[in-house]
Each structure stands twice: as C-alpha cells, then as structure tokens.
Amino acid sequence: MAVTIWVDADACPNPVKAILFRAAERKKVSLVLIANHHLSVPPSPFIRAERVAAGFDVADDTIVERLSVGDLVITADIPLANDVLERKGFVITPRGEVMDMSNIRQRLQMRDFMETMRSSGVQTGGPAAFSQADKMAFGNQLDRWLQKNCR
C-alpha cells in the first residue's frame, strides 16, 4: 500500500522539513507540504509543495480532504490531528510525539482549557523553543513509522 506523508507546513520547523526530505528520498515515499505561503523544496519525484489560499484552517481542511487511510500527517495542530485520527491516519508532531486515539481527547481538553484561560486574560506563554532533542525525537519517531508502514 502506497502511503503519503502530509505536512502542515505553515509552522513546521525547517530541521523537521530537512529530515522529511531525506526520508522521502530514502524510502521513495510521497511527501506533500501544504502551506498558505510559498515553500522551497528540493527537486524530487517524491516531494512537492502545494500553496493554498490564506485563511483559517484552509491548509488543515486540504490535508483532511486528501488524506487516505494509513497516511501520516506531521502537525502540532490538535484539532487537525483529531480529524486525521478519525479518518484512520497517523500523526506525529514536529517534536516527535505520537498522537493517537489514546491521547487525543486529553490533548483537545487541555487545548480548550488553555484557550479559555487565554481568553480570560491569563498569560499562558508559548511553547518552548524547538531543540536538538526535539529534532532527534522527531527523527526517531519518523524512522519507526517508516519501518512499520513503508516496505
């Protein structure tokens, strides 16, 4: 079964994209980066970037519409991850965390709680800077997924 790796590329760190480019070439798997701005990708029959219109959730909706069962999506967007899992896809965050049906509800609840806190004026801060450990964790999770799903 041929799978596709979809990337929610608007906020995907460049080191993660570089890992994905190498993996797509090595495993000869289709890699599609979806963003609402221009992206440069290396010339490859396996890698392409698609620019979508700017707007709330346009890139997310495009990924969900095109997703096939068993495809992998790289995203930190929790509602997008939930949609992917409901459509029987796989999700790895750019920090190397696997999202699945056992943890997505808790993630959605925490996201909603934090959004409520922010809307009431509480300063919650943002995520930590992307680190070398995050890069390694992503690469390791991607390798595990590729070994299991791409023969």
Protein backbone atom coordinates (compact mmCIF):
# COMPACT_ATOMS: atom_id res chain seq x y z
CA MET A 1 0.00 0.00 0.00
CA ALA A 2 1.45 3.37 -1.01
CA VAL A 3 1.21 5.98 1.70
CA THR A 4 1.66 9.71 1.64
CA ILE A 5 3.24 11.90 4.28
CA TRP A 6 1.36 15.20 4.60
CA VAL A 7 2.96 18.18 6.31
CA ASP A 8 1.06 21.05 7.89
CA ALA A 9 3.93 23.20 6.71
CA ASP A 10 2.99 26.72 7.80
CA ALA A 11 4.55 26.23 11.24
CA CYS A 12 6.76 23.20 10.65
CA PRO A 13 10.37 23.82 11.74
CA ASN A 14 12.98 23.75 8.96
CA PRO A 15 15.02 20.96 10.62
CA VAL A 16 11.92 18.74 10.52
CA LYS A 17 11.39 19.51 6.84
CA ALA A 18 15.02 18.59 6.14
CA ILE A 19 14.55 15.22 7.88
CA LEU A 20 11.37 14.63 5.87
CA PHE A 21 13.08 15.48 2.57
CA ARG A 22 15.82 12.92 3.24
CA ALA A 23 13.32 10.28 4.36
CA ALA A 24 11.11 10.73 1.29
CA GLU A 25 14.10 10.20 -0.98
CA ARG A 26 15.46 7.26 1.01
CA LYS A 27 12.12 5.43 1.27
CA LYS A 28 10.71 6.68 -2.06
CA VAL A 29 7.53 7.82 -0.34
CA SER A 30 5.32 10.71 -1.41
CA LEU A 31 5.79 13.83 0.72
CA VAL A 32 3.37 16.75 0.32
CA LEU A 33 3.86 20.02 2.17
CA ILE A 34 0.72 22.16 2.42
CA ALA A 35 1.06 25.85 3.30
CA ASN A 36 -0.55 29.20 2.59
CA HIS A 37 2.79 30.69 1.54
CA HIS A 38 5.48 29.73 -0.95
CA LEU A 39 7.76 26.88 0.12
CA SER A 40 11.02 25.83 -1.46
CA VAL A 41 11.50 22.09 -1.77
CA PRO A 42 14.32 20.10 -3.34
CA PRO A 43 13.72 18.76 -6.84
CA SER A 44 12.41 15.23 -6.42
CA PRO A 45 9.74 12.99 -7.90
CA PHE A 46 8.68 12.23 -4.30
CA ILE A 47 8.44 15.76 -2.84
CA ARG A 48 6.04 18.54 -3.66
CA ALA A 49 4.76 21.70 -2.02
CA GLU A 50 1.24 22.98 -2.53
CA ARG A 51 0.22 26.52 -1.75
CA VAL A 52 -3.36 27.00 -0.60
CA ALA A 53 -5.33 30.19 -0.09
CA ALA A 54 -4.76 32.10 3.12
CA GLY A 55 -7.50 31.67 5.64
CA PHE A 56 -8.49 29.95 8.84
CA ASP A 57 -7.91 26.17 8.57
CA VAL A 58 -7.56 26.16 4.75
CA ALA A 59 -4.36 24.10 4.88
CA ASP A 60 -5.83 21.79 7.53
CA ASP A 61 -9.00 21.24 5.52
CA THR A 62 -6.96 20.48 2.39
CA ILE A 63 -4.96 17.83 4.23
CA VAL A 64 -8.08 16.19 5.69
CA GLU A 65 -9.84 16.18 2.29
CA ARG A 66 -6.90 14.49 0.54
CA LEU A 67 -5.87 12.12 3.32
CA SER A 68 -6.15 8.36 2.72
CA VAL A 69 -6.37 5.67 5.38
CA GLY A 70 -2.87 4.92 6.66
CA ASP A 71 -1.30 8.23 5.60
CA LEU A 72 0.93 10.13 8.03
CA VAL A 73 0.39 13.78 8.94
CA ILE A 74 3.08 15.93 10.56
CA THR A 75 1.37 18.61 12.64
CA ALA A 76 1.23 20.20 16.07
CA ASP A 77 -2.36 21.31 15.41
CA ILE A 78 -4.51 19.29 17.81
CA PRO A 79 -7.89 19.71 16.05
CA LEU A 80 -6.23 18.70 12.75
CA ALA A 81 -4.66 15.69 14.49
CA ASN A 82 -8.09 14.68 15.78
CA ASP A 83 -9.57 14.88 12.27
CA VAL A 84 -6.69 12.80 10.88
CA LEU A 85 -7.11 10.13 13.55
CA GLU A 86 -10.85 9.96 12.92
CA ARG A 87 -10.05 9.26 9.25
CA LYS A 88 -7.65 6.46 10.26
CA GLY A 89 -4.45 8.33 9.58
CA PHE A 90 -1.35 8.63 11.76
CA VAL A 91 0.01 11.77 13.44
CA ILE A 92 3.49 12.72 14.62
CA THR A 93 4.17 16.21 15.94
CA PRO A 94 7.32 18.09 14.87
CA ARG A 95 8.63 17.40 18.39
CA GLY A 96 8.32 13.66 17.86
CA GLU A 97 5.18 12.99 19.87
CA VAL A 98 2.77 10.42 18.51
CA MET A 99 -0.87 11.43 18.77
CA ASP A 100 -3.35 8.59 18.74
CA MET A 101 -6.83 7.73 19.96
CA SER A 102 -5.47 7.06 23.46
CA ASN A 103 -4.23 10.63 23.98
CA ILE A 104 -6.08 12.94 21.57
CA ARG A 105 -9.12 13.58 23.80
CA GLN A 106 -6.88 14.70 26.67
CA ARG A 107 -4.93 16.94 24.27
CA LEU A 108 -8.16 18.51 22.97
CA GLN A 109 -9.39 19.14 26.51
CA MET A 110 -6.09 20.74 27.54
CA ARG A 111 -6.07 22.89 24.40
CA ASP A 112 -9.63 24.07 25.09
CA PHE A 113 -8.76 24.78 28.74
CA MET A 114 -5.70 26.83 27.75
CA GLU A 115 -7.74 28.73 25.17
CA THR A 116 -10.32 29.55 27.85
CA MET A 117 -7.53 30.75 30.15
CA ARG A 118 -6.06 32.99 27.43
CA SER A 119 -9.45 34.43 26.53
CA SER A 120 -9.97 35.37 30.17
CA GLY A 121 -6.71 37.32 30.15
CA VAL A 122 -4.33 34.81 31.74
CA GLN A 123 -0.85 34.89 30.20
CA THR A 124 -0.03 31.25 29.44
CA GLY A 125 3.20 31.70 27.46
CA GLY A 126 4.04 29.76 24.34
CA PRO A 127 5.77 26.50 23.62
CA ALA A 128 9.46 26.06 24.36
CA ALA A 129 11.92 26.76 21.55
CA PHE A 130 12.48 23.86 19.15
CA SER A 131 15.55 21.99 20.41
CA GLN A 132 18.09 19.44 19.23
CA ALA A 133 16.32 16.89 21.46
CA ASP A 134 13.02 17.67 19.66
CA LYS A 135 14.74 17.15 16.30
CA MET A 136 16.14 13.80 17.42
CA ALA A 137 12.80 12.69 18.88
CA PHE A 138 11.08 13.54 15.60
CA GLY A 139 13.66 11.68 13.52
CA ASN A 140 13.39 8.60 15.73
CA GLN A 141 9.58 8.52 15.61
CA LEU A 142 9.57 9.05 11.85
CA ASP A 143 12.05 6.19 11.38
CA ARG A 144 9.85 3.90 13.49
CA TRP A 145 6.78 4.82 11.46
CA LEU A 146 8.58 4.36 8.14
CA GLN A 147 9.92 0.95 9.16
CA LYS A 148 6.45 -0.20 10.13
CA ASN A 149 4.48 1.34 7.24
CA CYS A 150 6.82 1.60 4.23
CA ARG A 151 8.33 -1.60 2.98
